[in-house]
Every structure is written in C-alpha cells, then in structure tokens.
Amino acid sequence: LIEAGFNNVHDVAQLSAAELAKEIQCAPEEAQFVIDLAKSKALGVSFGAPVTFRTALDLFENPRPRIPVGVPRLDAALGGGISSGQVTEICGPPGAGKTQISMLLCAMALRGDPTASALYIH
C-alpha cells in the first residue's frame, strides 16, 4: 500500500474496491477486505449508527433526508430543513431562539422516526 502511495488509512477508506484493486493489482474481494479494515481503523470507536464513507458524487445524487423545522419560511431558507445524520451548529445572539429551534428539531426528528435518536448539546 505504501509503495502505491497510500500513507494512511483515510486514503484507503475512501476508495471503492475496484479502484484499490486496480491500484495495488489484487482481486476486488481482497481490496474490499483492506478497505473494510481501513474504515474500522479510521473510525476507531463509533457511537450510535455506523459511520459510512460517501463520495461527493453520491452525496450530490442522493442527498441526506432533511428534518423540517416546522416554520415554513425557515424550512424554505434551509432547503427543506436541517440535513439529518450530521452535526449542525446553530449560532446567534442571546435570545435569538437557538435553544427553541434545537429542541424543535429534536422533536421533529423523533416525530418522523420514533426509533431515531437526537442529541442536543447546550
């Protein structure tokens, strides 16, 4: 792997099996095994749902579901709500409604999927 120019696990974890197999001249099954191992090392300990690697093209073609805030104008400004499955930071001056929006988002996320989980950090 080092001879092929891969210096860390993140370089390998983002590849497809076909790409890695071509680069290091091995079977796709062997390449997938190496990629899976690299992903497990890159992630270390994960909490909750497993973290997945996605290409920019995949994210563009298959965007994450959005959680509507429930305020039509704000949802429109946010492109349909807050993107699910990622960390979102909400900033503003005191009294702007950051806590209210955050609690509302948690409620909307759980309303859409009662088996889901939401984390609010103050």
C-alpha atoms as a PDB file:
ATOM      1  CA  LEU A   1       0.000   0.000   0.000  1.00  0.00           C
ATOM      2  CA  ILE A   2       2.799   2.417   0.872  1.00  0.00           C
ATOM      3  CA  GLU A   3       4.557   1.678  -2.419  1.00  0.00           C
ATOM      4  CA  ALA A   4       1.310   2.524  -4.225  1.00  0.00           C
ATOM      5  CA  GLY A   5       1.209   5.921  -2.456  1.00  0.00           C
ATOM      6  CA  PHE A   6      -1.258   5.222   0.341  1.00  0.00           C
ATOM      7  CA  ASN A   7       0.136   6.808   3.501  1.00  0.00           C
ATOM      8  CA  ASN A   8      -2.754   6.440   5.947  1.00  0.00           C
ATOM      9  CA  VAL A   9      -5.993   4.565   6.469  1.00  0.00           C
ATOM     10  CA  HIS A  10      -8.112   7.504   5.324  1.00  0.00           C
ATOM     11  CA  ASP A  11      -6.520   7.330   1.851  1.00  0.00           C
ATOM     12  CA  VAL A  12      -7.642   3.709   1.533  1.00  0.00           C
ATOM     13  CA  ALA A  13     -11.024   4.014   3.282  1.00  0.00           C
ATOM     14  CA  GLN A  14     -12.443   6.414   0.702  1.00  0.00           C
ATOM     15  CA  LEU A  15     -11.762   4.200  -2.324  1.00  0.00           C
ATOM     16  CA  SER A  16     -14.024   1.685  -3.998  1.00  0.00           C
ATOM     17  CA  ALA A  17     -12.886  -1.931  -4.190  1.00  0.00           C
ATOM     18  CA  ALA A  18     -12.414  -1.601  -7.947  1.00  0.00           C
ATOM     19  CA  GLU A  19     -10.192   1.476  -7.573  1.00  0.00           C
ATOM     20  CA  LEU A  20      -7.992  -0.102  -4.907  1.00  0.00           C
ATOM     21  CA  ALA A  21      -7.773  -3.421  -6.775  1.00  0.00           C
ATOM     22  CA  LYS A  22      -6.553  -1.557  -9.850  1.00  0.00           C
ATOM     23  CA  GLU A  23      -4.022   0.493  -7.872  1.00  0.00           C
ATOM     24  CA  ILE A  24      -2.445  -2.403  -5.985  1.00  0.00           C
ATOM     25  CA  GLN A  25      -3.189  -5.109  -8.568  1.00  0.00           C
ATOM     26  CA  CYS A  26      -5.239  -7.521  -6.487  1.00  0.00           C
ATOM     27  CA  ALA A  27      -8.649  -9.152  -6.588  1.00  0.00           C
ATOM     28  CA  PRO A  28     -11.620  -6.883  -5.760  1.00  0.00           C
ATOM     29  CA  GLU A  29     -12.528  -9.153  -2.828  1.00  0.00           C
ATOM     30  CA  GLU A  30      -9.070  -8.646  -1.313  1.00  0.00           C
ATOM     31  CA  ALA A  31      -9.310  -4.910  -1.931  1.00  0.00           C
ATOM     32  CA  GLN A  32     -12.703  -4.776  -0.182  1.00  0.00           C
ATOM     33  CA  PHE A  33     -11.240  -6.597   2.828  1.00  0.00           C
ATOM     34  CA  VAL A  34      -8.445  -3.993   3.040  1.00  0.00           C
ATOM     35  CA  ILE A  35     -10.944  -1.131   2.669  1.00  0.00           C
ATOM     36  CA  ASP A  36     -13.180  -2.530   5.418  1.00  0.00           C
ATOM     37  CA  LEU A  37     -10.181  -2.885   7.711  1.00  0.00           C
ATOM     38  CA  ALA A  38      -9.053   0.677   6.915  1.00  0.00           C
ATOM     39  CA  LYS A  39     -12.538   2.021   7.649  1.00  0.00           C
ATOM     40  CA  SER A  40     -12.653   0.278  11.009  1.00  0.00           C
ATOM     41  CA  LYS A  41      -9.243   1.732  11.915  1.00  0.00           C
ATOM     42  CA  ALA A  42     -10.147   5.196  10.590  1.00  0.00           C
ATOM     43  CA  LEU A  43     -13.328   5.335  12.631  1.00  0.00           C
ATOM     44  CA  GLY A  44     -11.904   3.967  15.853  1.00  0.00           C
ATOM     45  CA  VAL A  45     -14.744   3.762  18.317  1.00  0.00           C
ATOM     46  CA  SER A  46     -18.047   4.986  16.915  1.00  0.00           C
ATOM     47  CA  PHE A  47     -21.189   5.693  18.845  1.00  0.00           C
ATOM     48  CA  GLY A  48     -24.703   5.005  17.616  1.00  0.00           C
ATOM     49  CA  ALA A  49     -25.232   4.108  13.981  1.00  0.00           C
ATOM     50  CA  PRO A  50     -22.175   3.036  11.988  1.00  0.00           C
ATOM     51  CA  VAL A  51     -20.462   5.829  10.093  1.00  0.00           C
ATOM     52  CA  THR A  52     -20.249   5.365   6.341  1.00  0.00           C
ATOM     53  CA  PHE A  53     -17.971   6.908   3.738  1.00  0.00           C
ATOM     54  CA  ARG A  54     -19.663   8.500   0.729  1.00  0.00           C
ATOM     55  CA  THR A  55     -18.246  10.162  -2.344  1.00  0.00           C
ATOM     56  CA  ALA A  56     -19.153  13.737  -3.261  1.00  0.00           C
ATOM     57  CA  LEU A  57     -20.990  12.449  -6.336  1.00  0.00           C
ATOM     58  CA  ASP A  58     -23.047  10.067  -4.193  1.00  0.00           C
ATOM     59  CA  LEU A  59     -23.909  12.885  -1.761  1.00  0.00           C
ATOM     60  CA  PHE A  60     -24.955  15.090  -4.681  1.00  0.00           C
ATOM     61  CA  GLU A  61     -27.065  12.403  -6.356  1.00  0.00           C
ATOM     62  CA  ASN A  62     -28.517  11.028  -3.094  1.00  0.00           C
ATOM     63  CA  PRO A  63     -28.701  13.845  -0.535  1.00  0.00           C
ATOM     64  CA  ARG A  64     -29.421  13.065   3.096  1.00  0.00           C
ATOM     65  CA  PRO A  65     -33.041  13.354   4.218  1.00  0.00           C
ATOM     66  CA  ARG A  66     -33.885  16.711   5.759  1.00  0.00           C
ATOM     67  CA  ILE A  67     -35.685  17.333   9.038  1.00  0.00           C
ATOM     68  CA  PRO A  68     -38.192  20.168   8.674  1.00  0.00           C
ATOM     69  CA  VAL A  69     -38.161  22.733  11.448  1.00  0.00           C
ATOM     70  CA  GLY A  70     -41.885  23.284  11.080  1.00  0.00           C
ATOM     71  CA  VAL A  71     -41.571  27.005  10.306  1.00  0.00           C
ATOM     72  CA  PRO A  72     -42.360  27.344   6.565  1.00  0.00           C
ATOM     73  CA  ARG A  73     -40.107  30.338   5.845  1.00  0.00           C
ATOM     74  CA  LEU A  74     -37.184  28.870   7.778  1.00  0.00           C
ATOM     75  CA  ASP A  75     -37.632  25.458   6.138  1.00  0.00           C
ATOM     76  CA  ALA A  76     -37.627  27.151   2.718  1.00  0.00           C
ATOM     77  CA  ALA A  77     -34.435  29.070   3.568  1.00  0.00           C
ATOM     78  CA  LEU A  78     -32.784  25.814   4.727  1.00  0.00           C
ATOM     79  CA  GLY A  79     -33.727  23.903   1.573  1.00  0.00           C
ATOM     80  CA  GLY A  80     -36.382  21.850   3.327  1.00  0.00           C
ATOM     81  CA  GLY A  81     -34.923  21.709   6.831  1.00  0.00           C
ATOM     82  CA  ILE A  82     -31.745  20.598   8.570  1.00  0.00           C
ATOM     83  CA  SER A  83     -29.814  17.726   6.992  1.00  0.00           C
ATOM     84  CA  SER A  84     -30.113  14.548   9.070  1.00  0.00           C
ATOM     85  CA  GLY A  85     -27.240  12.315  10.110  1.00  0.00           C
ATOM     86  CA  GLN A  86     -24.709  15.041  10.726  1.00  0.00           C
ATOM     87  CA  VAL A  87     -23.714  17.667  13.269  1.00  0.00           C
ATOM     88  CA  THR A  88     -25.364  21.056  12.835  1.00  0.00           C
ATOM     89  CA  GLU A  89     -24.213  24.093  14.791  1.00  0.00           C
ATOM     90  CA  ILE A  90     -26.734  26.862  15.403  1.00  0.00           C
ATOM     91  CA  CYS A  91     -25.263  30.264  16.255  1.00  0.00           C
ATOM     92  CA  GLY A  92     -26.748  33.615  17.161  1.00  0.00           C
ATOM     93  CA  PRO A  93     -27.028  36.282  19.841  1.00  0.00           C
ATOM     94  CA  PRO A  94     -28.710  35.597  23.176  1.00  0.00           C
ATOM     95  CA  GLY A  95     -32.484  35.378  22.863  1.00  0.00           C
ATOM     96  CA  ALA A  96     -32.448  34.657  19.115  1.00  0.00           C
ATOM     97  CA  GLY A  97     -34.195  31.291  19.578  1.00  0.00           C
ATOM     98  CA  LYS A  98     -31.285  28.839  19.212  1.00  0.00           C
ATOM     99  CA  THR A  99     -32.486  26.624  22.051  1.00  0.00           C
ATOM    100  CA  GLN A 100     -36.084  26.717  20.809  1.00  0.00           C
ATOM    101  CA  ILE A 101     -35.059  25.697  17.264  1.00  0.00           C
ATOM    102  CA  SER A 102     -32.769  22.967  18.634  1.00  0.00           C
ATOM    103  CA  MET A 103     -35.466  21.454  20.825  1.00  0.00           C
ATOM    104  CA  LEU A 104     -37.974  21.710  17.971  1.00  0.00           C
ATOM    105  CA  LEU A 105     -35.545  19.888  15.650  1.00  0.00           C
ATOM    106  CA  CYS A 106     -35.103  17.096  18.187  1.00  0.00           C
ATOM    107  CA  ALA A 107     -38.875  16.725  18.460  1.00  0.00           C
ATOM    108  CA  MET A 108     -39.349  16.780  14.671  1.00  0.00           C
ATOM    109  CA  ALA A 109     -36.609  14.166  14.169  1.00  0.00           C
ATOM    110  CA  LEU A 110     -38.266  11.825  16.662  1.00  0.00           C
ATOM    111  CA  ARG A 111     -41.729  12.552  15.283  1.00  0.00           C
ATOM    112  CA  GLY A 112     -40.576  11.452  11.828  1.00  0.00           C
ATOM    113  CA  ASP A 113     -38.997   8.240  13.149  1.00  0.00           C
ATOM    114  CA  PRO A 114     -39.773   7.149  16.725  1.00  0.00           C
ATOM    115  CA  THR A 115     -36.836   4.712  16.630  1.00  0.00           C
ATOM    116  CA  ALA A 116     -34.388   7.528  15.788  1.00  0.00           C
ATOM    117  CA  SER A 117     -32.228   9.349  18.294  1.00  0.00           C
ATOM    118  CA  ALA A 118     -31.338  13.020  18.605  1.00  0.00           C
ATOM    119  CA  LEU A 119     -28.657  14.679  20.709  1.00  0.00           C
ATOM    120  CA  TYR A 120     -28.895  18.239  21.974  1.00  0.00           C
ATOM    121  CA  ILE A 121     -25.723  19.690  23.487  1.00  0.00           C
ATOM    122  CA  HIS A 122     -26.045  23.021  25.285  1.00  0.00           C
END
